[in-house]
Every structure is written in structure tokens, then in C-alpha cells.
Amino acid sequence: VQLVESGGGLVQPGESLRLSCVASGIPFNVYVMGWYRQAPGKQRELVADLMTGGTPNYADAVKGRFTISRDNAKNTVYLQMSSLRPDDTGVYFCNGESGRLGTSYWGQGTQVTVSS
């Protein structure tokens, strides 16, 4: 099983980034796919998640600025991030979880830094 994130980087406040996570080795369509982030010195927190055919779930801090989407044909989940702020800085992790299968997998993370 592999979850591989890409798309992180250094941007200025107000700019946008799109993260991608490609999954392999899992029945992607049955997994709830999510994005989490961890800022220095803080706990990992949920940013957004989405099940197939479901309604996206967002952390209050990102509502209206971030959009999660998934393409089951490509085994890929995306996080479009707009109006980025310095407090969005952190390592962003992709997660796939299936309650039915009792499994949860993590990617290695991608760094997002928002700074002027």
C-alpha cells in the first residue's frame, strides 16, 4: 500500500496550491480519503475528508478556502488551497481509512510553507 503526496511548496500569503495524493494497493473507492496537517509543535489535525459520493467535511479554519475532491478512476485525492495564510503552514498528510475493512494508511507528507 502506498499513498504518495505531491504539490507542496513555499508560497506567499494569499496564493494558492493544489496537493495531490495517489493511492495504490487499496480499493480506493471504499476508502474515506482525507488530508491532515501538522504544524511545528502542534498535533496533527484534520483539514478535510471525503467519501465516495459523500459531502466534503472541512475544518472550520479552512472552510471557504480549501476544496477537497477525488477521482476514483485515478485513485487520487486533491486538496485545492486558496487564500493561503501563514497559519496554514505545516506538513500535509494524505490519509485513507476504511471502517469496514478496519484499516488506515498514511502518506509520507508534503511540506506547505506560507510566508512573505
Protein backbone atom coordinates (compact mmCIF):
# COMPACT_ATOMS: atom_id res chain seq x y z
CA VAL A 1 0.00 0.00 0.00
CA GLN A 2 1.29 3.45 -0.90
CA LEU A 3 -0.11 6.94 -0.58
CA VAL A 4 2.12 9.46 -2.30
CA GLU A 5 1.54 13.18 -1.87
CA SER A 6 2.81 15.93 -4.11
CA GLY A 7 2.27 19.63 -4.72
CA GLY A 8 3.61 21.23 -1.58
CA GLY A 9 5.93 24.20 -1.61
CA LEU A 10 6.64 27.73 -0.50
CA VAL A 11 4.06 30.37 -1.34
CA GLN A 12 3.22 33.90 -0.25
CA PRO A 13 0.09 34.74 1.74
CA GLY A 14 -2.97 34.91 -0.46
CA GLU A 15 -1.62 32.49 -3.05
CA SER A 16 -2.89 29.02 -3.94
CA LEU A 17 -1.57 25.47 -4.07
CA ARG A 18 -3.04 22.15 -5.12
CA LEU A 19 -1.99 18.99 -3.35
CA SER A 20 -2.42 15.56 -4.88
CA CYS A 21 -2.31 12.12 -3.32
CA VAL A 22 -2.15 8.98 -5.43
CA ALA A 23 -3.05 5.73 -3.69
CA SER A 24 -2.07 2.22 -4.72
CA GLY A 25 -2.73 -1.18 -3.23
CA ILE A 26 -6.15 -0.35 -1.78
CA PRO A 27 -9.73 -0.47 -3.11
CA PHE A 28 -9.69 3.31 -3.36
CA ASN A 29 -13.42 3.82 -3.86
CA VAL A 30 -14.36 2.32 -0.48
CA TYR A 31 -11.93 4.47 1.48
CA VAL A 32 -12.64 7.79 3.12
CA MET A 33 -9.79 9.93 1.87
CA GLY A 34 -8.62 12.84 3.91
CA TRP A 35 -5.99 15.49 4.33
CA TYR A 36 -4.43 16.24 7.70
CA ARG A 37 -1.77 18.74 8.64
CA GLN A 38 0.75 19.14 11.40
CA ALA A 39 2.32 22.45 12.28
CA PRO A 40 5.58 22.62 14.25
CA GLY A 41 4.92 21.87 17.90
CA LYS A 42 1.28 21.02 17.30
CA GLN A 43 -0.78 17.88 16.97
CA ARG A 44 -1.85 16.53 13.61
CA GLU A 45 -5.31 17.84 12.72
CA LEU A 46 -7.94 17.02 10.15
CA VAL A 47 -8.17 19.50 7.29
CA ALA A 48 -10.80 17.81 5.13
CA ASP A 49 -12.10 14.41 4.19
CA LEU A 50 -14.41 12.92 1.61
CA MET A 51 -16.02 9.57 1.00
CA THR A 52 -17.16 8.39 -2.40
CA GLY A 53 -20.45 10.06 -3.20
CA GLY A 54 -20.41 11.95 0.06
CA THR A 55 -20.34 15.54 1.21
CA PRO A 56 -16.93 17.01 2.00
CA ASN A 57 -16.09 17.64 5.62
CA TYR A 58 -13.86 20.62 6.44
CA ALA A 59 -12.16 22.00 9.49
CA ASP A 60 -13.60 25.39 10.41
CA ALA A 61 -10.24 27.06 9.78
CA VAL A 62 -10.27 26.15 6.08
CA LYS A 63 -13.95 26.39 5.16
CA GLY A 64 -14.45 28.60 2.15
CA ARG A 65 -10.75 28.49 1.22
CA PHE A 66 -9.94 24.81 0.65
CA THR A 67 -11.68 22.27 -1.55
CA ILE A 68 -11.22 18.52 -1.37
CA SER A 69 -12.07 16.34 -4.34
CA ARG A 70 -11.37 12.82 -5.51
CA ASP A 71 -11.07 11.00 -8.81
CA ASN A 72 -11.71 7.32 -8.18
CA ALA A 73 -10.68 6.42 -11.73
CA LYS A 74 -7.21 7.79 -10.96
CA ASN A 75 -7.06 6.68 -7.31
CA THR A 76 -6.30 10.28 -6.47
CA VAL A 77 -7.50 12.79 -3.91
CA TYR A 78 -6.83 16.50 -4.26
CA LEU A 79 -6.76 19.47 -1.94
CA GLN A 80 -7.13 22.83 -3.64
CA MET A 81 -5.94 25.50 -1.23
CA SER A 82 -6.67 29.16 -1.86
CA SER A 83 -6.15 32.37 0.10
CA LEU A 84 -3.36 30.69 1.98
CA ARG A 85 -2.30 32.17 5.29
CA PRO A 86 0.86 31.76 7.38
CA ASP A 87 -1.05 29.63 9.87
CA ASP A 88 -1.71 27.10 7.08
CA THR A 89 1.98 26.24 7.23
CA GLY A 90 2.73 22.62 8.09
CA VAL A 91 3.27 19.16 6.78
CA TYR A 92 0.20 17.92 4.96
CA PHE A 93 -0.55 14.22 5.10
CA CYS A 94 -2.88 12.14 3.00
CA ASN A 95 -4.93 9.50 4.81
CA GLY A 96 -7.10 6.67 3.62
CA GLU A 97 -9.40 4.99 6.10
CA SER A 98 -11.98 2.24 5.88
CA GLY A 99 -14.08 1.46 8.92
CA ARG A 100 -15.50 -1.56 7.15
CA LEU A 101 -12.06 -3.00 6.47
CA GLY A 102 -10.58 -1.71 9.72
CA THR A 103 -7.57 -0.17 8.02
CA SER A 104 -5.97 3.25 7.86
CA TYR A 105 -3.00 4.34 5.80
CA TRP A 106 -0.85 7.47 5.71
CA GLY A 107 1.34 9.12 3.14
CA GLN A 108 4.77 10.47 3.93
CA GLY A 109 3.64 14.09 3.96
CA THR A 110 4.38 17.17 1.89
CA GLN A 111 5.56 20.49 3.30
CA VAL A 112 3.48 23.61 2.77
CA THR A 113 5.03 26.89 3.83
CA VAL A 114 3.16 30.18 3.61
CA SER A 115 5.45 33.12 4.19
CA SER A 116 6.21 36.53 2.80
